[in-house]
Structures are given as structure tokens and as C-alpha cells.
Amino acid sequence: MNILVAIDGSAFSEAAVQKVMQSQPTDANVRVMHVIELLPVMESWAYSVDWERILQDRRKEAETFVARAAESLRKAGFTVTSAIDQGDAKSLIVEAAGKWPADLVVVGSHGRKGLDRFLLGSVAEAIARHVRCSVLIVRAQPAA
């Protein structure tokens, strides 16, 4: 079984990793994936921002939490690979699930509603609608 776990470094994605660890199909192959999404560029300040530095910082941060999740899954007995990509999270996760191919995609949900959901979109919802395999959306309460 191939399980793709899409994470973003939040408590919600940590809950998704924990849910996979609780399932205990240790014969499964798990791929931990994070997508660095690019920020929209405002023309008035686009040239004054060190985009390369921002991207390097975001990649370093992603490498840290992806490695931590992968190590936790390895300690639980899973065979684990990891991937960090850059672009639109919704489309890249759906694409990766199809190419690998994943039998299951596990993702945490922030549970946004209303205007927040409209403005930010829902990666979990897009994945559930567009991947060709099963999807487990893990809901967790944020740490207080």
C-alpha cells in the first residue's frame, strides 16, 4: 500500500502523521510531501523583496518538519520517502498521488469556514475532489 501524507508543518498535519502511525500497516510505503506555495506578488513591492532568501528560508523550514515527520514514521516501522515541491499545493499533491501512485492520501484539515475558506481555498477539499484514490482528512483542534 502506498500512503501519501501531505503536510504543512501545522498541528493539523501533525495529527495526520499521528493517524497514519496509529493505523499500523507497517508494510505500507509512506511518502511525506510538502509543497512550498509562492506568495502572490504585489507590484509595488515586488522588487524590494529578496524572494530568493524567502524561498531558501521556507525550504529550510520545510526540510526540518518533513524530516521530523519522516523519522517518526520510520520509527513506527514504515518505509518512508519524502518530497518537497514548489508551486500550487492542490495541483501538485493531486499530481503526485496519481504519478506515484498513492492508494491513500492523508491530509490534515484546518477547518476554515466562510470568508477564510473562500480566500485561502481548501487544499484538503481539492485533494478529496480530484485524486483517484481514497482520501483521509484528519481534523484536529489547534493547540491553545
C-alpha atoms as a PDB file:
ATOM      1  CA  MET A   1       0.000   0.000   0.000  1.00  0.00           C
ATOM      2  CA  ASN A   2       1.262   3.499  -0.886  1.00  0.00           C
ATOM      3  CA  ILE A   3       0.242   6.280   1.500  1.00  0.00           C
ATOM      4  CA  LEU A   4       0.911   9.917   0.613  1.00  0.00           C
ATOM      5  CA  VAL A   5       0.864  12.201   3.651  1.00  0.00           C
ATOM      6  CA  ALA A   6       0.660  15.873   2.681  1.00  0.00           C
ATOM      7  CA  ILE A   7       1.895  18.137   5.472  1.00  0.00           C
ATOM      8  CA  ASP A   8       2.365  21.856   6.048  1.00  0.00           C
ATOM      9  CA  GLY A   9       4.119  21.926   9.420  1.00  0.00           C
ATOM     10  CA  SER A  10       0.937  22.732  11.357  1.00  0.00           C
ATOM     11  CA  ALA A  11      -0.699  20.907  14.254  1.00  0.00           C
ATOM     12  CA  PHE A  12      -3.245  19.694  11.705  1.00  0.00           C
ATOM     13  CA  SER A  13      -0.624  17.957   9.606  1.00  0.00           C
ATOM     14  CA  GLU A  14       0.974  16.526  12.737  1.00  0.00           C
ATOM     15  CA  ALA A  15      -2.414  14.967  13.512  1.00  0.00           C
ATOM     16  CA  ALA A  16      -2.406  13.426  10.024  1.00  0.00           C
ATOM     17  CA  VAL A  17       1.029  11.864  10.644  1.00  0.00           C
ATOM     18  CA  GLN A  18      -0.153  10.548  14.020  1.00  0.00           C
ATOM     19  CA  LYS A  19      -3.232   8.990  12.387  1.00  0.00           C
ATOM     20  CA  VAL A  20      -1.026   7.119   9.902  1.00  0.00           C
ATOM     21  CA  MET A  21       1.193   5.911  12.745  1.00  0.00           C
ATOM     22  CA  GLN A  22      -1.883   4.629  14.623  1.00  0.00           C
ATOM     23  CA  SER A  23      -3.066   2.646  11.598  1.00  0.00           C
ATOM     24  CA  GLN A  24      -0.043   0.353  11.826  1.00  0.00           C
ATOM     25  CA  PRO A  25       0.033  -1.152   8.309  1.00  0.00           C
ATOM     26  CA  THR A  26       3.809  -1.155   8.637  1.00  0.00           C
ATOM     27  CA  ASP A  27       4.169  -2.914   5.301  1.00  0.00           C
ATOM     28  CA  ALA A  28       2.995   0.343   3.688  1.00  0.00           C
ATOM     29  CA  ASN A  29       5.218   2.729   1.790  1.00  0.00           C
ATOM     30  CA  VAL A  30       4.704   6.270   3.030  1.00  0.00           C
ATOM     31  CA  ARG A  31       5.688   9.418   1.178  1.00  0.00           C
ATOM     32  CA  VAL A  32       5.725  12.594   3.247  1.00  0.00           C
ATOM     33  CA  MET A  33       5.132  15.575   0.968  1.00  0.00           C
ATOM     34  CA  HIS A  34       5.171  19.309   1.448  1.00  0.00           C
ATOM     35  CA  VAL A  35       4.553  21.981  -1.171  1.00  0.00           C
ATOM     36  CA  ILE A  36       6.034  25.434  -0.754  1.00  0.00           C
ATOM     37  CA  GLU A  37       3.420  27.769  -2.130  1.00  0.00           C
ATOM     38  CA  LEU A  38       4.589  31.029  -3.621  1.00  0.00           C
ATOM     39  CA  LEU A  39       3.104  34.226  -2.285  1.00  0.00           C
ATOM     40  CA  PRO A  40       1.144  36.490  -4.592  1.00  0.00           C
ATOM     41  CA  VAL A  41       3.327  39.372  -5.743  1.00  0.00           C
ATOM     42  CA  MET A  42       2.210  42.934  -5.214  1.00  0.00           C
ATOM     43  CA  GLU A  43       3.726  45.016  -7.988  1.00  0.00           C
ATOM     44  CA  SER A  44       4.530  47.972  -5.727  1.00  0.00           C
ATOM     45  CA  TRP A  45       6.953  45.992  -3.552  1.00  0.00           C
ATOM     46  CA  ALA A  46       7.887  43.046  -5.743  1.00  0.00           C
ATOM     47  CA  TYR A  47      11.368  44.359  -6.498  1.00  0.00           C
ATOM     48  CA  SER A  48      12.214  45.333  -2.928  1.00  0.00           C
ATOM     49  CA  VAL A  49      11.756  41.823  -1.550  1.00  0.00           C
ATOM     50  CA  ASP A  50      14.527  39.238  -1.527  1.00  0.00           C
ATOM     51  CA  TRP A  51      12.394  36.401  -2.952  1.00  0.00           C
ATOM     52  CA  GLU A  52      15.350  34.022  -3.185  1.00  0.00           C
ATOM     53  CA  ARG A  53      16.075  34.441   0.533  1.00  0.00           C
ATOM     54  CA  ILE A  54      12.413  33.950   1.448  1.00  0.00           C
ATOM     55  CA  LEU A  55      12.288  30.787  -0.641  1.00  0.00           C
ATOM     56  CA  GLN A  56      15.502  29.472   0.948  1.00  0.00           C
ATOM     57  CA  ASP A  57      14.105  30.110   4.429  1.00  0.00           C
ATOM     58  CA  ARG A  58      10.822  28.386   3.596  1.00  0.00           C
ATOM     59  CA  ARG A  59      12.677  25.385   2.115  1.00  0.00           C
ATOM     60  CA  LYS A  60      14.883  25.075   5.207  1.00  0.00           C
ATOM     61  CA  GLU A  61      11.822  25.188   7.460  1.00  0.00           C
ATOM     62  CA  ALA A  62      10.066  22.593   5.275  1.00  0.00           C
ATOM     63  CA  GLU A  63      13.091  20.290   5.326  1.00  0.00           C
ATOM     64  CA  THR A  64      13.023  20.366   9.120  1.00  0.00           C
ATOM     65  CA  PHE A  65       9.375  19.417   9.608  1.00  0.00           C
ATOM     66  CA  VAL A  66       9.325  16.928   6.718  1.00  0.00           C
ATOM     67  CA  ALA A  67      12.394  15.176   8.163  1.00  0.00           C
ATOM     68  CA  ARG A  68      10.790  15.104  11.616  1.00  0.00           C
ATOM     69  CA  ALA A  69       7.587  13.543  10.257  1.00  0.00           C
ATOM     70  CA  ALA A  70       9.520  11.027   8.149  1.00  0.00           C
ATOM     71  CA  GLU A  71      11.640   9.984  11.130  1.00  0.00           C
ATOM     72  CA  SER A  72       8.562   9.472  13.327  1.00  0.00           C
ATOM     73  CA  LEU A  73       7.013   7.249  10.654  1.00  0.00           C
ATOM     74  CA  ARG A  74      10.257   5.265  10.222  1.00  0.00           C
ATOM     75  CA  LYS A  75      10.422   4.680  13.975  1.00  0.00           C
ATOM     76  CA  ALA A  76       6.849   3.339  13.757  1.00  0.00           C
ATOM     77  CA  GLY A  77       8.065   0.774  11.205  1.00  0.00           C
ATOM     78  CA  PHE A  78       7.070   2.322   7.884  1.00  0.00           C
ATOM     79  CA  THR A  79       9.203   2.560   4.759  1.00  0.00           C
ATOM     80  CA  VAL A  80       9.349   6.314   4.154  1.00  0.00           C
ATOM     81  CA  THR A  81      10.401   8.684   1.404  1.00  0.00           C
ATOM     82  CA  SER A  82       9.911  12.411   1.340  1.00  0.00           C
ATOM     83  CA  ALA A  83       9.357  15.142  -1.206  1.00  0.00           C
ATOM     84  CA  ILE A  84       9.374  18.927  -1.100  1.00  0.00           C
ATOM     85  CA  ASP A  85       7.995  20.705  -4.133  1.00  0.00           C
ATOM     86  CA  GLN A  86       7.230  24.293  -5.022  1.00  0.00           C
ATOM     87  CA  GLY A  87       4.071  25.654  -6.615  1.00  0.00           C
ATOM     88  CA  ASP A  88       0.337  25.188  -6.183  1.00  0.00           C
ATOM     89  CA  ALA A  89      -0.201  22.673  -3.363  1.00  0.00           C
ATOM     90  CA  LYS A  90      -3.577  21.496  -4.603  1.00  0.00           C
ATOM     91  CA  SER A  91      -2.446  20.553  -8.089  1.00  0.00           C
ATOM     92  CA  LEU A  92       1.000  19.223  -7.137  1.00  0.00           C
ATOM     93  CA  ILE A  93      -0.364  16.905  -4.432  1.00  0.00           C
ATOM     94  CA  VAL A  94      -3.060  15.577  -6.771  1.00  0.00           C
ATOM     95  CA  GLU A  95      -0.441  15.080  -9.486  1.00  0.00           C
ATOM     96  CA  ALA A  96       1.976  13.309  -7.117  1.00  0.00           C
ATOM     97  CA  ALA A  97      -0.782  10.988  -5.858  1.00  0.00           C
ATOM     98  CA  GLY A  98      -1.529   9.929  -9.430  1.00  0.00           C
ATOM     99  CA  LYS A  99       2.063   9.505 -10.588  1.00  0.00           C
ATOM    100  CA  TRP A 100       3.363   7.550  -7.602  1.00  0.00           C
ATOM    101  CA  PRO A 101       0.580   6.059  -7.468  1.00  0.00           C
ATOM    102  CA  ALA A 102      -0.901   6.511  -4.000  1.00  0.00           C
ATOM    103  CA  ASP A 103      -3.552   4.157  -2.663  1.00  0.00           C
ATOM    104  CA  LEU A 104      -4.423   6.629   0.090  1.00  0.00           C
ATOM    105  CA  VAL A 105      -3.785  10.340   0.639  1.00  0.00           C
ATOM    106  CA  VAL A 106      -3.821  11.580   4.230  1.00  0.00           C
ATOM    107  CA  VAL A 107      -4.072  15.296   4.933  1.00  0.00           C
ATOM    108  CA  GLY A 108      -4.916  17.447   7.922  1.00  0.00           C
ATOM    109  CA  SER A 109      -7.715  19.985   7.731  1.00  0.00           C
ATOM    110  CA  HIS A 110      -7.568  23.459   9.184  1.00  0.00           C
ATOM    111  CA  GLY A 111     -11.372  23.519   9.243  1.00  0.00           C
ATOM    112  CA  ARG A 112     -11.653  27.038   7.868  1.00  0.00           C
ATOM    113  CA  LYS A 113     -15.135  28.297   7.098  1.00  0.00           C
ATOM    114  CA  GLY A 114     -16.746  31.239   5.411  1.00  0.00           C
ATOM    115  CA  LEU A 115     -14.558  34.038   4.082  1.00  0.00           C
ATOM    116  CA  ASP A 116     -11.293  32.428   5.265  1.00  0.00           C
ATOM    117  CA  ARG A 117     -12.097  29.326   3.260  1.00  0.00           C
ATOM    118  CA  PHE A 118     -13.106  31.367   0.218  1.00  0.00           C
ATOM    119  CA  LEU A 119      -9.950  33.493   0.327  1.00  0.00           C
ATOM    120  CA  LEU A 120      -7.469  30.767   1.221  1.00  0.00           C
ATOM    121  CA  GLY A 121      -9.095  27.814  -0.508  1.00  0.00           C
ATOM    122  CA  SER A 122      -9.139  24.321   0.848  1.00  0.00           C
ATOM    123  CA  VAL A 123      -6.265  22.078  -0.097  1.00  0.00           C
ATOM    124  CA  ALA A 124      -7.930  19.125   1.637  1.00  0.00           C
ATOM    125  CA  GLU A 125     -11.157  19.640  -0.291  1.00  0.00           C
ATOM    126  CA  ALA A 126      -9.345  19.937  -3.625  1.00  0.00           C
ATOM    127  CA  ILE A 127      -7.420  16.742  -2.932  1.00  0.00           C
ATOM    128  CA  ALA A 128     -10.586  14.879  -1.955  1.00  0.00           C
ATOM    129  CA  ARG A 129     -12.326  16.006  -5.129  1.00  0.00           C
ATOM    130  CA  HIS A 130      -9.541  15.304  -7.600  1.00  0.00           C
ATOM    131  CA  VAL A 131      -7.387  12.336  -6.575  1.00  0.00           C
ATOM    132  CA  ARG A 132      -8.340   8.916  -7.896  1.00  0.00           C
ATOM    133  CA  CYS A 133      -7.640   7.085  -4.646  1.00  0.00           C
ATOM    134  CA  SER A 134      -9.078   7.160  -1.145  1.00  0.00           C
ATOM    135  CA  VAL A 135      -8.538  10.262   0.970  1.00  0.00           C
ATOM    136  CA  LEU A 136      -8.438  10.557   4.751  1.00  0.00           C
ATOM    137  CA  ILE A 137      -8.947  14.089   6.038  1.00  0.00           C
ATOM    138  CA  VAL A 138      -7.836  14.327   9.645  1.00  0.00           C
ATOM    139  CA  ARG A 139      -9.423  17.030  11.725  1.00  0.00           C
ATOM    140  CA  ALA A 140      -7.632  18.178  14.852  1.00  0.00           C
ATOM    141  CA  GLN A 141      -8.100  21.011  17.269  1.00  0.00           C
ATOM    142  CA  PRO A 142      -5.288  23.583  17.156  1.00  0.00           C
ATOM    143  CA  ALA A 143      -3.108  23.823  20.234  1.00  0.00           C
ATOM    144  CA  ALA A 144      -4.276  26.587  22.551  1.00  0.00           C
END
